[in-house]
Amino acid sequence: MILHAAMQRFGSHNLIRNSFIIYLALYMVDQQKNNPLHGITLEKIVTDLQAHYGWEQLGSLIRIDCFNNNQSIKSSLNFLRRMSWARKKVEDLFLDTFHK
């Protein structure tokens, strides 16, 4: 009854769209509460790992060019944002190192 009245007043399209937006927001919040990296930027991850290990050891742990040759936070961020497989390795090392 309430749904029918709301559909008449606001139109079914708006109600469906708004309901979907609310559902999606709740779903995303639920997914993120179990994510240990939620709220941690990639820049913080790379900076903390570099400070903890240094470039040389970081490059031996994760064999990617930006840790071995062009060693800078900026080049590392550019590479990791493009290469999801490398980002996953860096995120896993961060979790293993700082979230035990």
Protein backbone atom coordinates (compact mmCIF):
# COMPACT_ATOMS: atom_id res chain seq x y z
CA MET A 1 0.00 0.00 0.00
CA ILE A 2 2.77 2.46 0.94
CA LEU A 3 4.82 1.43 -2.08
CA HIS A 4 1.82 1.97 -4.36
CA ALA A 5 1.19 5.46 -2.91
CA ALA A 6 4.84 6.41 -3.27
CA MET A 7 4.90 5.20 -6.87
CA GLN A 8 1.86 7.34 -7.66
CA ARG A 9 3.33 10.42 -5.99
CA PHE A 10 6.95 10.22 -7.15
CA GLY A 11 6.69 7.97 -10.17
CA SER A 12 7.92 4.43 -10.36
CA HIS A 13 11.13 5.37 -12.16
CA ASN A 14 12.41 7.65 -9.36
CA LEU A 15 11.44 5.19 -6.65
CA ILE A 16 13.19 2.30 -8.36
CA ARG A 17 16.29 4.38 -9.05
CA ASN A 18 16.48 5.70 -5.48
CA SER A 19 15.92 2.23 -4.03
CA PHE A 20 18.73 0.88 -6.18
CA ILE A 21 21.08 3.68 -5.07
CA ILE A 22 20.33 2.97 -1.40
CA TYR A 23 20.82 -0.77 -1.92
CA LEU A 24 24.12 -0.21 -3.73
CA ALA A 25 25.42 2.12 -1.00
CA LEU A 26 24.54 -0.37 1.74
CA TYR A 27 26.16 -3.19 -0.23
CA MET A 28 29.38 -1.22 -0.69
CA VAL A 29 29.56 -0.31 3.02
CA ASP A 30 29.06 -3.97 3.92
CA GLN A 31 31.82 -5.04 1.53
CA GLN A 32 34.31 -2.44 2.81
CA LYS A 33 33.92 -3.15 6.53
CA ASN A 34 35.89 -6.39 6.07
CA ASN A 35 38.53 -4.84 3.80
CA PRO A 36 41.72 -4.15 5.82
CA LEU A 37 42.92 -1.72 3.12
CA HIS A 38 39.78 0.43 3.26
CA GLY A 39 40.78 4.07 3.68
CA ILE A 40 44.49 3.45 3.03
CA THR A 41 45.77 5.14 -0.11
CA LEU A 42 48.16 3.50 -2.53
CA GLU A 43 50.59 6.33 -1.86
CA LYS A 44 50.61 5.52 1.87
CA ILE A 45 51.13 1.83 1.12
CA VAL A 46 54.14 2.47 -1.14
CA THR A 47 55.59 5.12 1.16
CA ASP A 48 55.32 2.91 4.26
CA LEU A 49 56.81 -0.10 2.47
CA GLN A 50 59.68 1.98 1.08
CA ALA A 51 60.41 3.44 4.52
CA HIS A 52 60.29 0.01 6.13
CA TYR A 53 62.28 -2.01 3.56
CA GLY A 54 64.12 0.53 1.42
CA TRP A 55 64.15 0.39 -2.39
CA GLU A 56 66.72 -2.39 -2.67
CA GLN A 57 64.94 -4.89 -0.42
CA LEU A 58 61.53 -3.87 -1.76
CA GLY A 59 62.81 -4.52 -5.29
CA SER A 60 64.02 -7.98 -4.30
CA LEU A 61 60.72 -8.84 -2.57
CA ILE A 62 58.59 -7.64 -5.49
CA ARG A 63 60.50 -7.80 -8.75
CA ILE A 64 59.06 -4.87 -10.69
CA ASP A 65 61.07 -2.26 -12.56
CA CYS A 66 59.82 0.77 -10.66
CA PHE A 67 61.32 -0.64 -7.43
CA ASN A 68 64.65 -1.57 -9.02
CA ASN A 69 65.53 1.06 -11.64
CA ASN A 70 63.30 4.16 -11.63
CA GLN A 71 63.01 4.38 -7.87
CA SER A 72 60.50 7.02 -6.86
CA ILE A 73 57.12 7.07 -5.20
CA LYS A 74 55.65 8.86 -8.22
CA SER A 75 56.83 6.33 -10.81
CA SER A 76 55.77 3.47 -8.56
CA LEU A 77 52.27 4.91 -8.19
CA ASN A 78 51.94 5.41 -11.94
CA PHE A 79 52.97 1.82 -12.62
CA LEU A 80 50.87 0.25 -9.86
CA ARG A 81 47.74 2.13 -10.92
CA ARG A 82 48.08 0.63 -14.41
CA MET A 83 49.11 -2.90 -13.46
CA SER A 84 46.61 -4.56 -11.15
CA TRP A 85 48.73 -7.71 -10.74
CA ALA A 86 51.61 -5.64 -9.36
CA ARG A 87 49.33 -3.60 -7.14
CA LYS A 88 47.94 -6.82 -5.66
CA LYS A 89 51.47 -7.98 -4.79
CA VAL A 90 52.26 -4.64 -3.13
CA GLU A 91 48.99 -4.65 -1.18
CA ASP A 92 49.62 -8.23 -0.02
CA LEU A 93 53.13 -7.34 1.15
CA PHE A 94 51.74 -4.32 3.02
CA LEU A 95 49.18 -6.50 4.79
CA ASP A 96 51.77 -9.16 5.62
CA THR A 97 54.15 -6.53 6.96
CA PHE A 98 51.89 -4.21 8.93
CA HIS A 99 48.64 -6.11 9.65
CA LYS A 100 49.49 -9.36 11.33
